[in-house]
Amino acid sequence: MTMTRRDFLSASAALAMAPALGTRAWGAPLPRDADIVVIGAGAAGIAAARRIQAANRKVIVVEATGQVGGRCLTDTTSFEVPFDRGARWMHNPDTNPMIRLARAAGLEVYSAPLGQKIRIGRRNARAGETEEFLAALVRANRAIDEASRGKVDVACASVLPKDLGDWAGTAEFVLGANATGKDLKDVSAIDKARAQERTAAIACRQGLGTLIAKLGEQVPLTLATPASRIGWSNRDVTVETRAGKIVARAAVITVSSNVLAAGNIKFTPDIPKRHLDAAAKLSLGSFDHIALQLPGNPLGLARDDIIIEQSNSTRTALLFANMGSSSLCSIDVAGSFGRDLSAQGEAAMVAFAVEWLTKLFGSEIAAAVKKSSATRWNAAPFVQGAISSAVPGAQGSRKILTEPIGCMYLAGEATHETLWGTVDGAWESGERAAEAALRRIGALQDEPAAAPARAPKQRRRAVPVN
């Protein structure tokens, strides 16, 4: 028996959020000034830049890596089909502007398949077994929801029913690692419960990374240009890079919560400890794809089949098979197990994927692998992980990250209170931050900007202009 996608998604809250491949090379000199500078060319950064352009203001996007997309990265060279190395799904088609933009850009979007299968050893779960699993997910979700209404935020794992039986490990994987990138012991019950339901998963045939790069084609940006230092006041910002300095009236900062908390970009003066603490409490979980090309369909699965297994531990994965009618299969690993496996390197990741498939589908799988590739987002220096999820007691940190810092505004999926962990949330956050920055410089008059955090008085002075 298969469970419907609505059942699966309502139980697990989300699939992967994670990096988009741009093909443009930028040789033009770095601009010296702009109305608003955007740091990062992921979904949030591109959304912000497009909104600023729509207001007829000068914008420049500064991107540390050599491609557009951030955690939306489409690999078009390793296999015969586009392979999304990061985020793979969009959601909520009735309200998601990215889906309309994708169609307008001439890209094909389609709904993910309606069902997923559960594997028990080398067979599919029977109807009654699938119903037992779905019932276990419902009870686990209900317990988390009830806990989220308590006076004290707790870890999701601490409130799970004790009688989930043979489905306990699978439920923890689906609700924890696969949905948030973290084990449930490390996830806030309030954050999990407040996450907006990710309905009707929508994919882009050409890849989500391709979509973000397409949407950023008309955006002025410079690639391979890390911001090393940002000087800020309540009047302007100066972004320092190895290619020179940019002076702007405001900035939208879209780096990941891990990059912000790690201090990889130096701020003068330091940004408030309140924001740094919030970023640290929204650290990125681990989520990686291990791609195997398996010609001849040795797994005997349909196009875009999604498989999970009944597991008694977190040493498990999710299979996305025959993607786009191709022979490419993705084995997704996440949470603490995925983090440990990724740290061992790509060879160990591929070895696990082959071992796992062999356990479920037979020993002939190893010989069928033609090509392989694995993502390692934790090791990506300008990202350092996949999905932001709040530790227990830290759900309010998302709202803190939306508070202005002088004339700087933070954006990215970590700053969205209900769509965190999704490309949709990143896009919305970029538009929100851009509008706040535009109000700050007087380009929008419909409502006042929120009061910004002020630079410390003893260090408050005009930022030098190059």
Protein backbone atom coordinates (compact mmCIF):
# COMPACT_ATOMS: atom_id res chain seq x y z
CA MET A 1 0.00 0.00 0.00
CA THR A 2 1.17 3.55 -0.68
CA MET A 3 0.47 6.54 1.51
CA THR A 4 -0.72 9.69 -0.16
CA ARG A 5 1.67 12.62 -0.52
CA ARG A 6 -0.68 14.68 1.65
CA ASP A 7 -0.47 12.05 4.39
CA PHE A 8 3.30 11.92 4.14
CA LEU A 9 3.85 15.66 4.04
CA SER A 10 1.34 16.47 6.73
CA ALA A 11 3.16 14.02 8.96
CA SER A 12 6.73 14.96 8.12
CA ALA A 13 6.23 18.73 7.60
CA ALA A 14 8.88 19.08 4.87
CA LEU A 15 11.29 17.47 2.50
CA ALA A 16 14.71 18.91 1.86
CA MET A 17 15.67 22.51 1.83
CA ALA A 18 19.12 23.08 0.72
CA PRO A 19 21.76 25.12 -2.80
CA ALA A 20 21.35 27.00 -7.79
CA LEU A 21 23.76 26.92 -10.55
CA GLY A 22 24.31 30.09 -12.53
CA THR A 23 26.30 30.01 -15.72
CA ARG A 24 27.25 33.68 -15.99
CA ALA A 25 30.78 34.91 -15.50
CA TRP A 26 31.15 38.51 -14.42
CA GLY A 27 34.20 40.45 -15.53
CA ALA A 28 32.81 43.97 -15.09
CA PRO A 29 34.41 46.20 -12.42
CA LEU A 30 32.74 46.13 -9.03
CA PRO A 31 30.34 49.10 -8.64
CA ARG A 32 31.41 51.61 -6.01
CA ASP A 33 27.93 52.50 -4.80
CA ALA A 34 24.29 51.43 -4.83
CA ASP A 35 21.03 52.30 -3.13
CA ILE A 36 20.93 48.83 -1.58
CA VAL A 37 23.56 46.09 -1.56
CA VAL A 38 22.49 42.46 -1.22
CA ILE A 39 24.87 39.87 0.24
CA GLY A 40 24.23 36.44 -1.24
CA ALA A 41 22.69 35.29 -4.54
CA GLY A 42 20.50 32.49 -3.25
CA ALA A 43 16.72 32.50 -3.43
CA ALA A 44 16.43 35.22 -0.75
CA GLY A 45 19.07 37.41 -2.38
CA ILE A 46 17.61 37.15 -5.87
CA ALA A 47 14.10 37.82 -4.53
CA ALA A 48 15.38 40.88 -2.69
CA ALA A 49 17.25 42.23 -5.72
CA ARG A 50 14.25 41.79 -8.01
CA ARG A 51 12.04 43.65 -5.54
CA ILE A 52 14.55 46.51 -5.33
CA GLN A 53 14.80 46.67 -9.13
CA ALA A 54 11.00 46.82 -9.34
CA ALA A 55 11.15 49.94 -7.16
CA ASN A 56 13.61 51.50 -9.65
CA ARG A 57 16.45 51.62 -7.17
CA LYS A 58 20.08 50.73 -7.83
CA VAL A 59 21.09 47.34 -6.43
CA ILE A 60 24.15 45.13 -6.56
CA VAL A 61 24.30 41.51 -5.34
CA VAL A 62 27.62 40.30 -3.94
CA GLU A 63 27.98 36.49 -4.07
CA ALA A 64 30.85 34.58 -2.46
CA THR A 65 30.66 31.47 -4.65
CA GLY A 66 30.97 31.12 -8.39
CA GLN A 67 27.28 30.50 -9.02
CA VAL A 68 23.81 31.88 -8.42
CA GLY A 69 21.45 29.94 -6.17
CA GLY A 70 22.85 29.42 -2.69
CA ARG A 71 21.29 26.19 -1.41
CA CYS A 72 19.51 25.66 -4.75
CA LEU A 73 22.17 24.08 -6.95
CA THR A 74 21.34 22.19 -10.13
CA ASP A 75 24.06 19.93 -11.51
CA THR A 76 23.56 19.59 -15.28
CA THR A 77 26.82 17.83 -16.16
CA SER A 78 27.26 14.76 -13.94
CA PHE A 79 24.25 12.82 -15.24
CA GLU A 80 21.94 12.86 -18.24
CA VAL A 81 19.27 14.77 -16.31
CA PRO A 82 19.37 17.86 -14.07
CA PHE A 83 20.30 16.85 -10.53
CA ASP A 84 19.26 19.23 -7.75
CA ARG A 85 22.12 18.95 -5.30
CA GLY A 86 20.22 21.03 -2.77
CA ALA A 87 16.58 22.04 -2.60
CA ARG A 88 14.29 19.96 -4.74
CA TRP A 89 10.72 21.05 -4.00
CA MET A 90 8.53 24.12 -3.97
CA HIS A 91 5.24 24.05 -2.08
CA ASN A 92 1.81 25.67 -1.73
CA PRO A 93 1.15 26.40 -5.42
CA ASP A 94 -1.89 28.58 -4.71
CA THR A 95 0.24 31.18 -2.94
CA ASN A 96 3.81 30.58 -4.10
CA PRO A 97 4.95 33.29 -6.58
CA MET A 98 7.96 31.24 -7.66
CA ILE A 99 5.75 28.76 -9.48
CA ARG A 100 4.16 31.51 -11.55
CA LEU A 101 7.58 33.00 -12.22
CA ALA A 102 8.91 29.61 -13.32
CA ARG A 103 6.15 29.22 -15.87
CA ALA A 104 6.63 32.79 -17.10
CA ALA A 105 10.34 32.02 -17.57
CA GLY A 106 9.50 29.09 -19.83
CA LEU A 107 10.45 26.38 -17.32
CA GLU A 108 8.33 23.31 -16.68
CA VAL A 109 6.90 22.71 -13.23
CA TYR A 110 5.04 19.59 -12.20
CA SER A 111 3.52 18.02 -9.13
CA ALA A 112 5.46 15.31 -7.37
CA PRO A 113 3.92 11.80 -7.42
CA LEU A 114 0.97 11.18 -5.16
CA GLY A 115 2.33 8.23 -3.22
CA GLN A 116 5.34 6.92 -1.33
CA LYS A 117 6.14 3.32 -0.47
CA ILE A 118 7.40 1.82 2.76
CA ARG A 119 9.90 -1.01 2.60
CA ILE A 120 10.10 -3.69 5.30
CA GLY A 121 13.21 -5.65 4.55
CA ARG A 122 12.96 -6.73 0.91
CA ARG A 123 9.23 -6.29 0.55
CA ASN A 124 6.76 -3.43 0.44
CA ALA A 125 4.65 -2.77 3.50
CA ARG A 126 1.18 -4.27 3.41
CA ALA A 127 -1.90 -2.09 3.67
CA GLY A 128 -2.36 -2.71 7.35
CA GLU A 129 1.28 -1.99 8.09
CA THR A 130 1.17 1.29 6.22
CA GLU A 131 -1.94 2.27 8.16
CA GLU A 132 -0.12 1.47 11.40
CA PHE A 133 2.75 3.72 10.37
CA LEU A 134 0.46 6.59 9.39
CA ALA A 135 -1.36 6.23 12.71
CA ALA A 136 1.99 6.38 14.51
CA LEU A 137 2.89 9.58 12.64
CA VAL A 138 -0.44 11.15 13.49
CA ARG A 139 -0.03 10.37 17.17
CA ALA A 140 3.55 11.65 17.19
CA ASN A 141 2.55 14.88 15.45
CA ARG A 142 -0.38 15.35 17.82
CA ALA A 143 1.92 14.95 20.81
CA ILE A 144 4.32 17.57 19.43
CA ASP A 145 1.44 19.95 18.71
CA GLU A 146 0.08 19.55 22.24
CA ALA A 147 3.52 20.11 23.75
CA SER A 148 3.94 23.29 21.72
CA ARG A 149 1.03 24.83 23.61
CA GLY A 150 2.71 24.35 26.98
CA LYS A 151 4.38 27.06 29.03
CA VAL A 152 7.88 25.76 28.35
CA ASP A 153 9.29 24.78 24.97
CA VAL A 154 10.68 21.25 24.92
CA ALA A 155 12.47 18.92 22.55
CA CYS A 156 10.18 17.05 20.17
CA ALA A 157 11.73 13.70 21.16
CA SER A 158 10.80 14.17 24.80
CA VAL A 159 7.06 14.14 24.09
CA LEU A 160 6.79 11.30 21.58
CA PRO A 161 4.41 8.51 22.55
CA LYS A 162 6.24 5.58 24.11
CA ASP A 163 4.17 2.96 22.31
CA LEU A 164 5.11 3.59 18.66
CA GLY A 165 6.51 0.07 18.58
CA ASP A 166 8.27 -1.04 15.39
CA TRP A 167 7.56 2.34 13.80
CA ALA A 168 9.36 4.49 16.38
CA GLY A 169 12.63 4.75 14.46
CA THR A 170 10.90 5.46 11.16
CA ALA A 171 8.66 8.10 12.70
CA GLU A 172 11.67 9.82 14.26
CA PHE A 173 13.47 9.83 10.90
CA VAL A 174 10.49 11.18 8.96
CA LEU A 175 9.57 13.85 11.48
CA GLY A 176 13.10 14.71 12.53
CA ALA A 177 16.09 14.21 10.25
CA ASN A 178 14.17 14.09 6.98
CA ALA A 179 12.02 17.11 7.80
CA THR A 180 14.40 19.35 9.74
CA GLY A 181 17.93 18.05 9.19
CA LYS A 182 18.19 17.32 12.92
CA ASP A 183 17.22 14.52 15.28
CA LEU A 184 14.04 15.26 17.21
CA LYS A 185 15.97 15.62 20.47
CA ASP A 186 17.53 18.75 18.98
CA VAL A 187 14.32 20.31 17.61
CA SER A 188 11.98 22.77 19.32
CA ALA A 189 8.41 21.50 19.63
CA ILE A 190 7.10 25.05 19.10
CA ASP A 191 9.19 25.57 15.97
CA LYS A 192 8.05 22.24 14.55
CA ALA A 193 4.40 22.85 15.35
CA ARG A 194 4.40 26.36 13.89
CA ALA A 195 5.86 25.23 10.59
CA GLN A 196 3.32 25.84 7.85
CA GLU A 197 2.13 22.67 6.16
CA ARG A 198 4.11 22.05 2.97
CA THR A 199 1.34 20.93 0.65
CA ALA A 200 1.47 19.85 -2.98
CA ALA A 201 5.20 19.48 -3.54
CA ILE A 202 6.11 21.02 -6.90
CA ALA A 203 9.33 20.36 -8.83
CA CYS A 204 10.97 22.18 -11.73
CA ARG A 205 11.90 19.87 -14.58
CA GLN A 206 15.06 21.85 -15.33
CA GLY A 207 15.98 22.04 -11.63
CA LEU A 208 15.34 24.53 -8.83
CA GLY A 209 18.86 25.85 -9.19
CA THR A 210 18.21 26.52 -12.84
CA LEU A 211 15.05 28.39 -11.87
CA ILE A 212 16.81 30.67 -9.36
CA ALA A 213 19.59 31.37 -11.88
CA LYS A 214 16.98 32.18 -14.53
CA LEU A 215 15.17 34.56 -12.20
CA GLY A 216 18.47 36.27 -11.48
CA GLU A 217 19.50 36.82 -15.09
CA GLN A 218 18.67 40.53 -15.10
CA VAL A 219 20.03 41.19 -11.62
CA PRO A 220 23.33 43.11 -11.36
CA LEU A 221 25.68 40.84 -9.44
CA THR A 222 29.27 39.89 -8.94
CA LEU A 223 30.28 36.25 -8.41
CA ALA A 224 33.22 34.75 -6.52
CA THR A 225 33.38 37.92 -4.42
CA PRO A 226 33.11 37.16 -0.70
CA ALA A 227 32.24 40.05 1.58
CA SER A 228 35.02 40.19 4.16
CA ARG A 229 33.85 43.13 6.27
CA ILE A 230 30.71 45.23 6.52
CA GLY A 231 30.83 48.62 8.18
CA TRP A 232 27.43 49.89 9.26
CA SER A 233 25.74 52.78 10.95
CA ASN A 234 22.21 54.13 10.93
CA ARG A 235 22.98 56.04 7.73
CA ASP A 236 24.84 53.73 5.37
CA VAL A 237 26.87 50.55 4.94
CA THR A 238 30.23 49.80 3.37
CA VAL A 239 30.87 46.30 2.07
CA GLU A 240 34.52 45.37 1.71
CA THR A 241 35.61 42.66 -0.75
CA ARG A 242 38.91 41.75 -2.38
CA ALA A 243 37.59 43.45 -5.52
CA GLY A 244 36.98 46.74 -3.71
CA LYS A 245 34.35 48.48 -1.59
CA ILE A 246 30.68 49.18 -2.17
CA VAL A 247 28.90 51.98 -0.34
CA ALA A 248 25.11 51.76 -0.05
CA ARG A 249 22.27 53.36 1.83
CA ALA A 250 21.05 49.98 3.12
CA ALA A 251 21.89 46.29 2.90
CA VAL A 252 20.06 42.97 2.77
CA ILE A 253 22.17 40.18 4.30
CA THR A 254 21.13 36.67 3.21
CA VAL A 255 23.99 34.49 4.50
CA SER A 256 23.05 31.31 6.35
CA SER A 257 22.57 31.29 10.10
CA ASN A 258 25.74 29.20 10.46
CA VAL A 259 27.84 31.66 8.46
CA LEU A 260 26.45 34.59 10.43
CA ALA A 261 27.06 32.92 13.80
CA ALA A 262 30.56 31.80 12.82
CA GLY A 263 31.67 35.39 12.24
CA ASN A 264 32.96 34.67 8.73
CA ILE A 265 31.97 38.22 7.82
CA LYS A 266 33.37 40.84 10.15
CA PHE A 267 31.05 43.67 11.10
CA THR A 268 32.17 47.13 12.24
CA PRO A 269 30.83 47.73 14.81
CA ASP A 270 29.91 44.19 15.87
CA ILE A 271 26.31 43.29 15.22
CA PRO A 272 24.22 42.92 18.39
CA LYS A 273 24.81 39.80 20.48
CA ARG A 274 21.04 39.30 20.42
CA HIS A 275 21.19 38.59 16.68
CA LEU A 276 24.31 36.40 16.91
CA ASP A 277 22.75 34.32 19.67
CA ALA A 278 19.57 33.94 17.61
CA ALA A 279 21.53 32.73 14.60
CA ALA A 280 23.41 30.21 16.74
CA LYS A 281 20.13 28.83 18.09
CA LEU A 282 18.93 28.36 14.50
CA SER A 283 21.94 26.34 13.41
CA LEU A 284 21.71 24.39 10.18
CA GLY A 285 20.88 20.72 10.28
CA SER A 286 22.49 18.19 7.98
CA PHE A 287 20.83 16.97 4.76
CA ASP A 288 22.65 15.45 1.79
CA HIS A 289 21.83 13.63 -1.44
CA ILE A 290 23.80 10.59 -2.61
CA ALA A 291 23.09 10.18 -6.33
CA LEU A 292 23.50 6.81 -8.04
CA GLN A 293 22.94 6.17 -11.72
CA LEU A 294 21.32 2.74 -12.04
CA PRO A 295 20.66 1.87 -15.72
CA GLY A 296 18.04 -0.75 -16.45
CA ASN A 297 15.94 0.00 -13.36
CA PRO A 298 17.34 -2.81 -11.17
CA LEU A 299 15.18 -1.57 -8.29
CA GLY A 300 12.01 -2.22 -10.29
CA LEU A 301 10.50 1.10 -9.25
CA ALA A 302 8.33 3.63 -11.07
CA ARG A 303 9.27 7.14 -12.12
CA ASP A 304 9.86 9.48 -9.18
CA ASP A 305 9.04 6.80 -6.60
CA ILE A 306 9.85 7.76 -3.01
CA ILE A 307 10.77 4.96 -0.61
CA ILE A 308 11.38 4.91 3.13
CA GLU A 309 12.08 1.84 5.25
CA GLN A 310 10.89 0.52 8.55
CA SER A 311 13.97 1.16 10.67
CA ASN A 312 14.81 0.67 14.32
CA SER A 313 17.49 3.36 14.30
CA THR A 314 18.46 6.66 12.70
CA ARG A 315 20.87 4.86 10.38
CA THR A 316 18.46 5.07 7.50
CA ALA A 317 17.63 7.15 4.44
CA LEU A 318 14.98 8.16 1.93
CA LEU A 319 15.12 7.02 -1.69
CA PHE A 320 13.95 9.20 -4.59
CA ALA A 321 14.09 6.77 -7.53
CA ASN A 322 14.16 7.14 -11.31
CA MET A 323 14.04 10.91 -11.14
CA GLY A 324 12.35 12.48 -14.16
CA SER A 325 12.06 9.07 -15.87
CA SER A 326 15.84 8.74 -15.79
CA SER A 327 18.07 6.08 -14.24
CA LEU A 328 19.17 8.52 -11.53
CA CYS A 329 18.30 7.73 -7.93
CA SER A 330 18.97 9.89 -4.87
CA ILE A 331 19.50 8.42 -1.42
CA ASP A 332 18.97 11.19 1.13
CA VAL A 333 20.72 11.08 4.51
CA ALA A 334 20.16 13.58 7.29
CA GLY A 335 20.34 14.38 10.97
CA SER A 336 23.21 13.23 13.20
CA PHE A 337 23.75 10.06 11.17
CA GLY A 338 23.88 12.02 7.93
CA ARG A 339 26.28 14.55 9.47
CA ASP A 340 28.64 11.82 10.68
CA LEU A 341 28.49 10.03 7.33
CA SER A 342 29.15 13.21 5.36
CA ALA A 343 32.18 13.93 7.53
CA GLN A 344 33.69 10.63 6.37
CA GLY A 345 33.71 11.80 2.75
CA GLU A 346 32.00 10.98 -0.52
CA ALA A 347 33.37 7.44 -0.82
CA ALA A 348 31.86 6.46 2.53
CA MET A 349 28.55 8.07 1.57
CA VAL A 350 28.33 6.14 -1.70
CA ALA A 351 29.30 2.92 0.10
CA PHE A 352 26.46 3.41 2.58
CA ALA A 353 23.96 4.12 -0.21
CA VAL A 354 24.92 0.91 -2.01
CA GLU A 355 24.80 -1.09 1.24
CA TRP A 356 21.39 0.35 2.12
CA LEU A 357 19.90 -0.39 -1.30
CA THR A 358 21.37 -3.89 -1.24
CA LYS A 359 19.64 -4.54 2.08
CA LEU A 360 16.30 -3.49 0.60
CA PHE A 361 16.53 -4.68 -3.01
CA GLY A 362 19.24 -7.35 -3.32
CA SER A 363 22.95 -7.84 -3.89
CA GLU A 364 22.88 -7.12 -7.64
CA ILE A 365 22.54 -3.39 -6.93
CA ALA A 366 26.27 -2.81 -6.38
CA ALA A 367 27.18 -4.04 -9.85
CA ALA A 368 24.46 -1.89 -11.43
CA VAL A 369 25.90 1.48 -10.31
CA LYS A 370 27.29 3.35 -13.34
CA LYS A 371 28.03 6.78 -11.84
CA SER A 372 27.76 8.34 -8.41
CA SER A 373 27.97 11.73 -6.74
CA ALA A 374 27.28 13.00 -3.23
CA THR A 375 26.63 16.42 -1.76
CA ARG A 376 28.38 17.57 1.42
CA TRP A 377 26.65 20.77 2.47
CA ASN A 378 28.20 20.84 5.94
CA ALA A 379 31.61 21.24 4.31
CA ALA A 380 30.50 24.04 1.96
CA PRO A 381 32.36 27.05 3.44
CA PHE A 382 29.78 29.68 2.45
CA VAL A 383 26.77 27.64 3.67
CA GLN A 384 27.88 25.13 6.35
CA GLY A 385 24.72 23.05 6.42
CA ALA A 386 21.24 22.59 4.99
CA ILE A 387 18.12 23.48 7.01
CA SER A 388 17.74 25.89 9.93
CA SER A 389 15.76 24.38 12.78
CA ALA A 390 15.41 25.88 16.22
CA VAL A 391 16.78 24.16 19.28
CA PRO A 392 14.32 23.77 22.17
CA GLY A 393 13.41 27.18 23.56
CA ALA A 394 14.62 29.10 20.53
CA GLN A 395 11.64 29.47 18.18
CA GLY A 396 11.51 33.19 18.94
CA SER A 397 14.97 33.55 17.44
CA ARG A 398 13.44 33.67 13.96
CA LYS A 399 11.61 36.89 14.79
CA ILE A 400 14.78 38.36 16.30
CA LEU A 401 16.56 37.86 12.99
CA THR A 402 13.95 40.02 11.25
CA GLU A 403 14.80 43.02 13.47
CA PRO A 404 16.80 45.70 11.61
CA ILE A 405 20.46 46.27 12.48
CA GLY A 406 21.08 49.91 11.66
CA CYS A 407 20.21 50.02 7.97
CA MET A 408 20.88 46.29 7.49
CA TYR A 409 18.15 43.67 7.13
CA LEU A 410 18.59 39.91 7.43
CA ALA A 411 16.85 37.45 5.11
CA GLY A 412 16.92 33.74 4.32
CA GLU A 413 14.86 30.70 5.25
CA ALA A 414 16.02 30.93 8.88
CA THR A 415 14.20 34.26 9.23
CA HIS A 416 10.79 32.86 8.20
CA GLU A 417 8.67 31.81 11.17
CA THR A 418 6.48 29.29 9.35
CA LEU A 419 8.20 28.42 6.06
CA TRP A 420 11.70 27.90 7.43
CA GLY A 421 13.59 25.15 5.68
CA THR A 422 12.02 25.89 2.29
CA VAL A 423 12.89 27.80 -0.86
CA ASP A 424 9.45 29.38 -0.58
CA GLY A 425 10.32 30.82 2.83
CA ALA A 426 13.68 32.08 1.61
CA TRP A 427 12.04 33.87 -1.33
CA GLU A 428 9.38 35.49 0.85
CA SER A 429 12.00 36.60 3.36
CA GLY A 430 14.05 38.26 0.62
CA GLU A 431 11.07 40.24 -0.58
CA ARG A 432 10.21 41.21 3.00
CA ALA A 433 13.74 42.42 3.75
CA ALA A 434 13.94 44.32 0.46
CA GLU A 435 10.72 46.16 1.22
CA ALA A 436 12.00 47.09 4.68
CA ALA A 437 15.23 48.39 3.13
CA LEU A 438 13.29 50.34 0.51
CA ARG A 439 11.18 51.98 3.22
CA ARG A 440 14.36 52.79 5.08
CA ILE A 441 15.71 54.80 2.14
CA GLY A 442 12.34 56.41 1.44
CA ALA A 443 11.50 54.43 -1.68
CA LEU A 444 8.27 53.04 -0.18
CA GLN A 445 5.92 55.19 1.83
CA ASP A 446 3.03 52.86 2.69
CA GLU A 447 4.22 52.17 6.25
CA PRO A 448 7.12 53.16 8.51
CA ALA A 449 10.13 50.93 8.90
CA ALA A 450 10.71 49.16 12.20
CA ALA A 451 13.11 50.83 14.59
CA PRO A 452 16.60 49.54 13.85
CA ALA A 453 19.22 48.35 16.28
CA ARG A 454 21.68 51.18 16.77
CA ALA A 455 25.41 51.04 16.54
CA PRO A 456 27.12 51.43 19.94
CA LYS A 457 27.59 55.14 20.70
CA GLN A 458 31.25 54.91 21.56
CA ARG A 459 32.00 53.46 18.13
CA ARG A 460 29.43 55.34 16.14
CA ARG A 461 30.93 57.32 13.31
CA ALA A 462 30.65 57.60 9.59
CA VAL A 463 31.99 54.58 7.76
CA PRO A 464 34.98 55.58 5.60
CA VAL A 465 34.27 55.67 1.89
CA ASN A 466 36.84 54.47 -0.58
